[in-house]
C-alpha atoms as a PDB file:
ATOM      1  CA  MET A   1      43.236 -58.155  -5.066  1.00  0.00           C
ATOM      2  CA  THR A   2      40.363 -59.623  -3.193  1.00  0.00           C
ATOM      3  CA  GLY A   3      41.132 -57.552  -0.239  1.00  0.00           C
ATOM      4  CA  ILE A   4      40.846 -54.312  -2.350  1.00  0.00           C
ATOM      5  CA  PHE A   5      37.754 -55.241  -3.848  1.00  0.00           C
ATOM      6  CA  CYS A   6      36.474 -55.954  -0.489  1.00  0.00           C
ATOM      7  CA  TRP A   7      37.108 -52.766   0.839  1.00  0.00           C
ATOM      8  CA  ILE A   8      35.880 -50.968  -1.911  1.00  0.00           C
ATOM      9  CA  SER A   9      32.454 -52.701  -1.921  1.00  0.00           C
ATOM     10  CA  LEU A  10      31.888 -51.990   2.102  1.00  0.00           C
ATOM     11  CA  SER A  11      33.342 -48.112   1.150  1.00  0.00           C
ATOM     12  CA  ASN A  12      30.176 -47.812  -1.141  1.00  0.00           C
ATOM     13  CA  TYR A  13      27.766 -49.871   0.953  1.00  0.00           C
ATOM     14  CA  GLN A  14      28.502 -47.354   3.613  1.00  0.00           C
ATOM     15  CA  SER A  15      28.615 -44.203   1.275  1.00  0.00           C
ATOM     16  CA  GLU A  16      25.063 -45.206   0.219  1.00  0.00           C
ATOM     17  CA  THR A  17      23.849 -45.768   3.659  1.00  0.00           C
ATOM     18  CA  PHE A  18      25.273 -42.486   4.490  1.00  0.00           C
ATOM     19  CA  PHE A  19      23.452 -40.598   2.101  1.00  0.00           C
ATOM     20  CA  ILE A  20      20.258 -42.106   2.543  1.00  0.00           C
ATOM     21  CA  THR A  21      20.237 -42.032   6.388  1.00  0.00           C
ATOM     22  CA  ILE A  22      21.663 -38.270   6.535  1.00  0.00           C
ATOM     23  CA  PRO A  23      18.165 -37.053   4.420  1.00  0.00           C
ATOM     24  CA  LEU A  24      16.132 -39.354   6.302  1.00  0.00           C
ATOM     25  CA  PHE A  25      16.948 -37.966   9.665  1.00  0.00           C
ATOM     26  CA  THR A  26      17.193 -34.222   8.194  1.00  0.00           C
ATOM     27  CA  VAL A  27      13.493 -34.634   7.021  1.00  0.00           C
ATOM     28  CA  LEU A  28      12.535 -36.269  10.439  1.00  0.00           C
ATOM     29  CA  PHE A  29      14.032 -33.363  12.503  1.00  0.00           C
ATOM     30  CA  ILE A  30      12.366 -31.043  10.028  1.00  0.00           C
ATOM     31  CA  LEU A  31       8.902 -32.757  10.404  1.00  0.00           C
ATOM     32  CA  SER A  32       9.540 -32.708  14.054  1.00  0.00           C
ATOM     33  CA  GLY A  33      10.333 -28.901  14.347  1.00  0.00           C
ATOM     34  CA  ALA A  34       7.295 -28.149  12.666  1.00  0.00           C
ATOM     35  CA  GLY A  35       5.170 -30.399  14.566  1.00  0.00           C
ATOM     36  CA  ALA A  36       6.226 -28.324  17.743  1.00  0.00           C
ATOM     37  CA  THR A  37       5.516 -25.455  15.824  1.00  0.00           C
ATOM     38  CA  LEU A  38       2.179 -26.425  14.858  1.00  0.00           C
ATOM     39  CA  THR A  39       1.180 -27.855  18.280  1.00  0.00           C
ATOM     40  CA  LYS A  40       2.452 -24.522  20.255  1.00  0.00           C
ATOM     41  CA  THR A  41       0.201 -22.299  17.594  1.00  0.00           C
ATOM     42  CA  VAL A  42      -3.018 -24.515  18.208  1.00  0.00           C
ATOM     43  CA  ILE A  43      -2.250 -24.210  22.023  1.00  0.00           C
ATOM     44  CA  ARG A  44      -1.635 -20.500  21.556  1.00  0.00           C
ATOM     45  CA  GLN A  45      -5.100 -20.326  19.351  1.00  0.00           C
ATOM     46  CA  GLN A  46      -6.734 -22.055  22.106  1.00  0.00           C
ATOM     47  CA  LEU A  47      -5.916 -19.772  24.886  1.00  0.00           C
ATOM     48  CA  ASP A  48      -6.581 -16.611  22.588  1.00  0.00           C
ATOM     49  CA  GLU A  49     -10.076 -18.176  22.264  1.00  0.00           C
ATOM     50  CA  ALA A  50     -10.665 -19.428  26.079  1.00  0.00           C
ATOM     51  CA  ARG A  51      -9.381 -15.603  26.902  1.00  0.00           C
ATOM     52  CA  ILE A  52     -12.071 -13.643  24.191  1.00  0.00           C
ATOM     53  CA  LEU A  53     -14.729 -16.437  25.718  1.00  0.00           C
ATOM     54  CA  GLN A  54     -14.045 -15.257  29.347  1.00  0.00           C
ATOM     55  CA  ASN A  55     -13.660 -11.595  28.827  1.00  0.00           C
ATOM     56  CA  GLN A  56     -17.286 -11.794  26.453  1.00  0.00           C
ATOM     57  CA  LYS A  57     -18.399 -13.550  29.619  1.00  0.00           C
ATOM     58  CA  GLU A  58     -17.327 -10.815  32.079  1.00  0.00           C
ATOM     59  CA  SER A  59     -18.562  -7.869  29.873  1.00  0.00           C
ATOM     60  CA  GLU A  60     -21.810  -9.684  29.605  1.00  0.00           C
ATOM     61  CA  LEU A  61     -22.085 -10.139  33.571  1.00  0.00           C
ATOM     62  CA  ASN A  62     -21.100  -7.023  34.172  1.00  0.00           C
ATOM     63  CA  LEU A  63     -23.739  -5.201  31.594  1.00  0.00           C
ATOM     64  CA  LEU A  64     -26.771  -7.398  33.025  1.00  0.00           C
ATOM     65  CA  ILE A  65     -25.406  -6.213  36.471  1.00  0.00           C
ATOM     66  CA  SER A  66     -25.314  -2.466  35.403  1.00  0.00           C
ATOM     67  CA  GLN A  67     -28.934  -2.993  34.214  1.00  0.00           C
ATOM     68  CA  LEU A  68     -30.494  -4.045  37.050  1.00  0.00           C
ATOM     69  CA  SER A  69     -29.063  -2.126  39.914  1.00  0.00           C
ATOM     70  CA  PRO A  70     -29.787   1.569  38.812  1.00  0.00           C
ATOM     71  CA  HIS A  71     -33.157   0.899  38.185  1.00  0.00           C
ATOM     72  CA  PHE A  72     -33.556  -0.427  41.726  1.00  0.00           C
ATOM     73  CA  LEU A  73     -31.609   2.332  43.235  1.00  0.00           C
ATOM     74  CA  PHE A  74     -33.664   5.075  41.594  1.00  0.00           C
ATOM     75  CA  ASN A  75     -36.633   3.415  43.293  1.00  0.00           C
ATOM     76  CA  THR A  76     -34.824   3.306  46.595  1.00  0.00           C
ATOM     77  CA  LEU A  77     -34.052   7.292  45.577  1.00  0.00           C
ATOM     78  CA  ASN A  78     -37.765   8.211  45.334  1.00  0.00           C
ATOM     79  CA  ASN A  79     -39.176   5.906  48.359  1.00  0.00           C
ATOM     80  CA  LEU A  80     -36.734   8.135  50.759  1.00  0.00           C
ATOM     81  CA  TYR A  81     -37.486  11.458  48.834  1.00  0.00           C
ATOM     82  CA  GLY A  82     -41.580  10.847  49.622  1.00  0.00           C
ATOM     83  CA  MET A  83     -40.561  10.056  53.116  1.00  0.00           C
ATOM     84  CA  ALA A  84     -38.566  13.327  53.748  1.00  0.00           C
ATOM     85  CA  ILE A  85     -41.803  15.105  52.018  1.00  0.00           C
ATOM     86  CA  ARG A  86     -44.213  13.530  54.566  1.00  0.00           C
ATOM     87  CA  GLY A  87     -41.661  14.300  57.224  1.00  0.00           C
ATOM     88  CA  HIS A  88     -41.132  10.932  58.422  1.00  0.00           C
ATOM     89  CA  GLU A  89     -39.349  10.322  61.626  1.00  0.00           C
ATOM     90  CA  GLN A  90     -37.597   7.690  60.635  1.00  0.00           C
ATOM     91  CA  VAL A  91     -35.770   9.043  57.348  1.00  0.00           C
ATOM     92  CA  PRO A  92     -32.448   8.714  59.374  1.00  0.00           C
ATOM     93  CA  GLU A  93     -32.920   4.933  59.467  1.00  0.00           C
ATOM     94  CA  HIS A  94     -33.703   4.567  56.265  1.00  0.00           C
ATOM     95  CA  ILE A  95     -30.491   6.949  55.169  1.00  0.00           C
ATOM     96  CA  VAL A  96     -28.573   4.689  56.728  1.00  0.00           C
ATOM     97  CA  LYS A  97     -30.490   1.671  55.279  1.00  0.00           C
ATOM     98  CA  LEU A  98     -29.795   3.483  51.645  1.00  0.00           C
ATOM     99  CA  SER A  99     -26.335   3.722  52.508  1.00  0.00           C
ATOM    100  CA  ALA A 100     -26.055  -0.304  53.067  1.00  0.00           C
ATOM    101  CA  LEU A 101     -27.491  -0.251  49.948  1.00  0.00           C
ATOM    102  CA  LEU A 102     -25.114   1.648  48.000  1.00  0.00           C
ATOM    103  CA  ARG A 103     -22.239   0.035  49.534  1.00  0.00           C
ATOM    104  CA  TYR A 104     -23.717  -3.135  48.157  1.00  0.00           C
ATOM    105  CA  SER A 105     -23.915  -2.362  44.558  1.00  0.00           C
ATOM    106  CA  VAL A 106     -20.804  -0.102  44.321  1.00  0.00           C
ATOM    107  CA  TYR A 107     -18.654  -2.867  46.129  1.00  0.00           C
ATOM    108  CA  LEU A 108     -19.998  -6.158  46.564  1.00  0.00           C
ATOM    109  CA  ALA A 109     -21.970  -6.002  43.488  1.00  0.00           C
ATOM    110  CA  LYS A 110     -18.456  -6.224  41.420  1.00  0.00           C
ATOM    111  CA  GLN A 111     -17.368  -9.514  43.371  1.00  0.00           C
ATOM    112  CA  ARG A 112     -18.037 -12.884  41.872  1.00  0.00           C
ATOM    113  CA  LEU A 113     -19.693 -14.403  44.759  1.00  0.00           C
ATOM    114  CA  ILE A 114     -20.715 -12.959  48.521  1.00  0.00           C
ATOM    115  CA  PRO A 115     -22.026 -14.673  51.628  1.00  0.00           C
ATOM    116  CA  LEU A 116     -26.025 -15.317  51.461  1.00  0.00           C
ATOM    117  CA  LYS A 117     -26.209 -13.186  54.488  1.00  0.00           C
ATOM    118  CA  ASP A 118     -25.748  -9.756  52.376  1.00  0.00           C
ATOM    119  CA  GLU A 119     -27.777 -10.746  49.815  1.00  0.00           C
ATOM    120  CA  VAL A 120     -30.770 -11.344  52.626  1.00  0.00           C
ATOM    121  CA  ALA A 121     -29.597  -7.854  54.167  1.00  0.00           C
ATOM    122  CA  TYR A 122     -30.463  -6.294  50.451  1.00  0.00           C
ATOM    123  CA  LEU A 123     -33.585  -7.950  50.476  1.00  0.00           C
ATOM    124  CA  LYS A 124     -34.902  -6.499  53.754  1.00  0.00           C
ATOM    125  CA  ASN A 125     -33.676  -3.379  53.049  1.00  0.00           C
ATOM    126  CA  TYR A 126     -35.105  -3.533  49.737  1.00  0.00           C
ATOM    127  CA  THR A 127     -38.627  -4.661  51.217  1.00  0.00           C
ATOM    128  CA  ASP A 128     -38.497  -2.070  53.968  1.00  0.00           C
ATOM    129  CA  PHE A 129     -38.633   0.837  51.385  1.00  0.00           C
ATOM    130  CA  GLU A 130     -41.227  -1.119  49.311  1.00  0.00           C
ATOM    131  CA  LYS A 131     -43.822  -1.627  52.282  1.00  0.00           C
ATOM    132  CA  ILE A 132     -43.557   2.431  52.750  1.00  0.00           C
ATOM    133  CA  ARG A 133     -44.077   3.166  49.144  1.00  0.00           C
ATOM    134  CA  TYR A 134     -47.124   0.816  48.953  1.00  0.00           C
ATOM    135  CA  GLY A 135     -48.734   1.491  52.497  1.00  0.00           C
ATOM    136  CA  ASN A 136     -52.070  -0.444  53.357  1.00  0.00           C
ATOM    137  CA  ARG A 137     -52.066  -1.184  49.733  1.00  0.00           C
ATOM    138  CA  LEU A 138     -49.363  -3.950  50.160  1.00  0.00           C
ATOM    139  CA  GLN A 139     -50.229  -7.191  52.026  1.00  0.00           C
ATOM    140  CA  LEU A 140     -46.577  -8.514  52.098  1.00  0.00           C
ATOM    141  CA  THR A 141     -45.722 -12.163  53.745  1.00  0.00           C
ATOM    142  CA  MET A 142     -41.941 -12.779  53.929  1.00  0.00           C
ATOM    143  CA  SER A 143     -40.466 -16.156  55.607  1.00  0.00           C
ATOM    144  CA  LEU A 144     -36.681 -16.518  56.056  1.00  0.00           C
ATOM    145  CA  GLU A 145     -36.120 -20.250  57.392  1.00  0.00           C
ATOM    146  CA  ASP A 146     -33.081 -22.219  58.310  1.00  0.00           C
ATOM    147  CA  ILE A 147     -30.751 -19.718  56.088  1.00  0.00           C
ATOM    148  CA  HIS A 148     -27.139 -20.950  56.072  1.00  0.00           C
ATOM    149  CA  ALA A 149     -25.962 -17.286  56.142  1.00  0.00           C
ATOM    150  CA  ASP A 150     -22.426 -18.255  54.895  1.00  0.00           C
ATOM    151  CA  LEU A 151     -23.377 -20.128  51.878  1.00  0.00           C
ATOM    152  CA  LYS A 152     -21.772 -17.992  48.789  1.00  0.00           C
ATOM    153  CA  VAL A 153     -24.263 -16.652  45.878  1.00  0.00           C
ATOM    154  CA  ALA A 154     -23.946 -14.071  43.186  1.00  0.00           C
ATOM    155  CA  PRO A 155     -24.697 -11.104  43.724  1.00  0.00           C
ATOM    156  CA  MET A 156     -27.847  -9.262  42.531  1.00  0.00           C
ATOM    157  CA  LEU A 157     -28.979 -12.541  41.541  1.00  0.00           C
ATOM    158  CA  LEU A 158     -31.858 -12.689  43.965  1.00  0.00           C
ATOM    159  CA  ILE A 159     -33.355  -9.449  43.999  1.00  0.00           C
ATOM    160  CA  PRO A 160     -34.805  -9.136  40.654  1.00  0.00           C
ATOM    161  CA  PHE A 161     -37.366 -11.901  40.983  1.00  0.00           C
ATOM    162  CA  VAL A 162     -38.469  -9.617  44.266  1.00  0.00           C
ATOM    163  CA  GLU A 163     -38.466  -6.133  42.438  1.00  0.00           C
ATOM    164  CA  ASN A 164     -40.532  -7.863  39.863  1.00  0.00           C
ATOM    165  CA  ALA A 165     -43.160  -8.907  42.129  1.00  0.00           C
ATOM    166  CA  PHE A 166     -43.312  -5.161  43.550  1.00  0.00           C
ATOM    167  CA  LYS A 167     -43.231  -3.673  39.899  1.00  0.00           C
ATOM    168  CA  HIS A 168     -45.990  -6.236  38.557  1.00  0.00           C
ATOM    169  CA  THR A 169     -48.309  -7.015  41.395  1.00  0.00           C
ATOM    170  CA  LYS A 170     -51.935  -6.087  40.936  1.00  0.00           C
ATOM    171  CA  ASN A 171     -55.261  -7.063  42.104  1.00  0.00           C
ATOM    172  CA  ALA A 172     -58.888  -6.253  42.091  1.00  0.00           C
ATOM    173  CA  LYS A 173     -60.048  -2.481  42.801  1.00  0.00           C
ATOM    174  CA  GLY A 174     -60.256  -2.374  46.578  1.00  0.00           C
ATOM    175  CA  ASN A 175     -58.284  -5.482  47.532  1.00  0.00           C
ATOM    176  CA  PRO A 176     -54.307  -5.613  49.007  1.00  0.00           C
ATOM    177  CA  GLU A 177     -51.802  -6.351  46.419  1.00  0.00           C
ATOM    178  CA  GLN A 178     -50.354  -9.510  48.094  1.00  0.00           C
ATOM    179  CA  ILE A 179     -46.700 -10.342  47.704  1.00  0.00           C
ATOM    180  CA  CYS A 180     -45.218 -13.720  49.179  1.00  0.00           C
ATOM    181  CA  ILE A 181     -41.680 -14.259  49.084  1.00  0.00           C
ATOM    182  CA  GLN A 182     -40.014 -17.429  51.059  1.00  0.00           C
ATOM    183  CA  LEU A 183     -36.134 -18.135  50.802  1.00  0.00           C
ATOM    184  CA  ARG A 184     -34.389 -21.075  52.564  1.00  0.00           C
ATOM    185  CA  THR A 185     -31.290 -23.041  52.673  1.00  0.00           C
ATOM    186  CA  GLU A 186     -30.930 -26.884  52.360  1.00  0.00           C
ATOM    187  CA  ALA A 187     -27.328 -28.412  52.409  1.00  0.00           C
ATOM    188  CA  ASP A 188     -25.640 -26.420  49.886  1.00  0.00           C
ATOM    189  CA  ALA A 189     -29.171 -25.579  47.946  1.00  0.00           C
ATOM    190  CA  ILE A 190     -30.525 -22.342  48.074  1.00  0.00           C
ATOM    191  CA  PHE A 191     -34.365 -22.113  47.559  1.00  0.00           C
ATOM    192  CA  LEU A 192     -36.319 -19.011  46.749  1.00  0.00           C
ATOM    193  CA  SER A 193     -39.989 -18.929  46.154  1.00  0.00           C
ATOM    194  CA  VAL A 194     -41.748 -15.409  45.137  1.00  0.00           C
ATOM    195  CA  ARG A 195     -45.789 -15.344  44.509  1.00  0.00           C
ATOM    196  CA  ASN A 196     -47.579 -11.961  43.984  1.00  0.00           C
ATOM    197  CA  SER A 197     -50.962 -11.187  42.995  1.00  0.00           C
ATOM    198  CA  GLN A 198     -52.345 -10.343  39.401  1.00  0.00           C
ATOM    199  CA  ASN A 199     -55.637  -9.746  37.895  1.00  0.00           C
ATOM    200  CA  LYS A 200     -57.042 -10.965  34.996  1.00  0.00           C
ATOM    201  CA  SER A 201     -55.765  -8.447  32.560  1.00  0.00           C
ATOM    202  CA  SER A 202     -52.265  -8.945  33.715  1.00  0.00           C
ATOM    203  CA  GLU A 203     -52.577 -12.807  33.532  1.00  0.00           C
ATOM    204  CA  LYS A 204     -53.982 -12.735  29.855  1.00  0.00           C
ATOM    205  CA  ARG A 205     -50.647 -10.714  28.593  1.00  0.00           C
ATOM    206  CA  GLY A 206     -48.866 -13.774  29.462  1.00  0.00           C
ATOM    207  CA  LEU A 207     -45.791 -14.626  31.346  1.00  0.00           C
ATOM    208  CA  GLU A 208     -43.411 -13.124  28.821  1.00  0.00           C
ATOM    209  CA  ASN A 209     -44.785  -9.764  29.266  1.00  0.00           C
ATOM    210  CA  SER A 210     -45.659  -9.950  32.855  1.00  0.00           C
ATOM    211  CA  GLY A 211     -41.829 -11.116  33.375  1.00  0.00           C
ATOM    212  CA  GLY A 212     -40.549  -8.007  32.284  1.00  0.00           C
ATOM    213  CA  MET A 213     -36.875  -7.268  31.452  1.00  0.00           C
ATOM    214  CA  GLY A 214     -35.436  -8.001  34.934  1.00  0.00           C
ATOM    215  CA  LEU A 215     -36.537 -11.742  34.556  1.00  0.00           C
ATOM    216  CA  GLU A 216     -35.244 -12.094  31.372  1.00  0.00           C
ATOM    217  CA  ASN A 217     -31.736 -10.740  32.485  1.00  0.00           C
ATOM    218  CA  VAL A 218     -31.764 -12.822  35.353  1.00  0.00           C
ATOM    219  CA  LYS A 219     -31.934 -15.882  32.984  1.00  0.00           C
ATOM    220  CA  LYS A 220     -29.027 -14.916  31.446  1.00  0.00           C
ATOM    221  CA  ARG A 221     -26.848 -14.490  34.552  1.00  0.00           C
ATOM    222  CA  LEU A 222     -28.203 -17.955  35.693  1.00  0.00           C
ATOM    223  CA  GLU A 223     -27.037 -19.506  32.344  1.00  0.00           C
ATOM    224  CA  LEU A 224     -23.520 -17.914  32.573  1.00  0.00           C
ATOM    225  CA  LEU A 225     -22.638 -18.197  35.884  1.00  0.00           C
ATOM    226  CA  TYR A 226     -24.999 -21.660  37.340  1.00  0.00           C
ATOM    227  CA  PRO A 227     -24.942 -23.706  34.031  1.00  0.00           C
ATOM    228  CA  GLY A 228     -26.769 -26.973  35.042  1.00  0.00           C
ATOM    229  CA  ASN A 229     -26.656 -26.054  38.224  1.00  0.00           C
ATOM    230  CA  TYR A 230     -30.132 -24.265  38.950  1.00  0.00           C
ATOM    231  CA  ASP A 231     -33.626 -25.017  38.335  1.00  0.00           C
ATOM    232  CA  LEU A 232     -36.143 -21.932  37.529  1.00  0.00           C
ATOM    233  CA  VAL A 233     -40.198 -22.254  37.078  1.00  0.00           C
ATOM    234  CA  ILE A 234     -42.150 -19.368  36.117  1.00  0.00           C
ATOM    235  CA  GLU A 235     -45.832 -19.859  36.279  1.00  0.00           C
ATOM    236  CA  SER A 236     -49.058 -17.750  35.980  1.00  0.00           C
ATOM    237  CA  ASN A 237     -51.527 -20.067  38.544  1.00  0.00           C
ATOM    238  CA  GLU A 238     -55.133 -18.596  39.962  1.00  0.00           C
ATOM    239  CA  GLY A 239     -54.262 -15.000  39.940  1.00  0.00           C
ATOM    240  CA  TYR A 240     -50.783 -15.471  40.864  1.00  0.00           C
ATOM    241  CA  PHE A 241     -47.457 -14.863  39.427  1.00  0.00           C
ATOM    242  CA  ILE A 242     -45.240 -17.343  41.146  1.00  0.00           C
ATOM    243  CA  VAL A 243     -41.447 -17.583  40.660  1.00  0.00           C
ATOM    244  CA  LYS A 244     -39.281 -20.825  42.008  1.00  0.00           C
ATOM    245  CA  LEU A 245     -35.470 -21.116  41.910  1.00  0.00           C
ATOM    246  CA  LYS A 246     -33.066 -23.677  43.124  1.00  0.00           C
ATOM    247  CA  ILE A 247     -29.644 -23.024  42.940  1.00  0.00           C
ATOM    248  CA  THR A 248     -26.715 -24.998  43.875  1.00  0.00           C
ATOM    249  CA  ALA A 249     -24.341 -22.543  46.032  1.00  0.00           C
ATOM    250  CA  LEU A 250     -20.879 -22.057  43.962  1.00  0.00           C
ATOM    251  CA  THR A 251     -17.478 -21.717  45.430  1.00  0.00           C
ATOM    252  CA  ASN A 252     -14.770 -19.337  44.031  1.00  0.00           C
ATOM    253  CA  GLU A 253     -13.045 -22.332  42.707  1.00  0.00           C
ATOM    254  CA  THR A 254     -16.202 -23.389  40.150  1.00  0.00           C
ATOM    255  CA  ILE A 255     -16.423 -20.020  38.688  1.00  0.00           C
END
């Protein structure tokens, strides 16, 4: 009799334990599945947000580049047209330079990074055209020192500063307009200094008006491409508009 009672008691205990344990495991299983689903959803949302942000970044970069390139190309074509009208004997040579400029704008400008030597060649070709356009009105000094040609740089990043100098240079009547361009490298850093003369009326308009939209665009590109890796100083001092830029060269892996 005692044995039967003990068996019944044990059976009751196991039944109670069974009916408690099974729901507990069920709840834990459901919660685990829900947690995994929630984690996947959060990760998917984060990936989607990152993808959207990357697309926005690329779209803005493409827009900024497109705003810079056509303006420069139009100026170049006008310069070449003027040379042809005057029967300039160096027209064939400059057609080759124009071809190089177009190749740069159409193909290289679409790349994330290019060798610094390609950007320098672009700057040289640009200034050659501008020297013809300005003639004796221009006093140009260009210094390219210790250039590490294989350093990488974002395409069309330096030209807006030079283009802006030619666009806004002013001087007293009868005096040549002065532009000084200095470019050098040190380790993995690129230093650019551009200085152009300006008259009193230009100086009074302030830095924002003197800078033009080209500088506003390049500031945005610097923020997008070189956050924390550049130093830009723009100032007006004693009849000159001065831009000083230092950027740390990037690799394809850092973008």
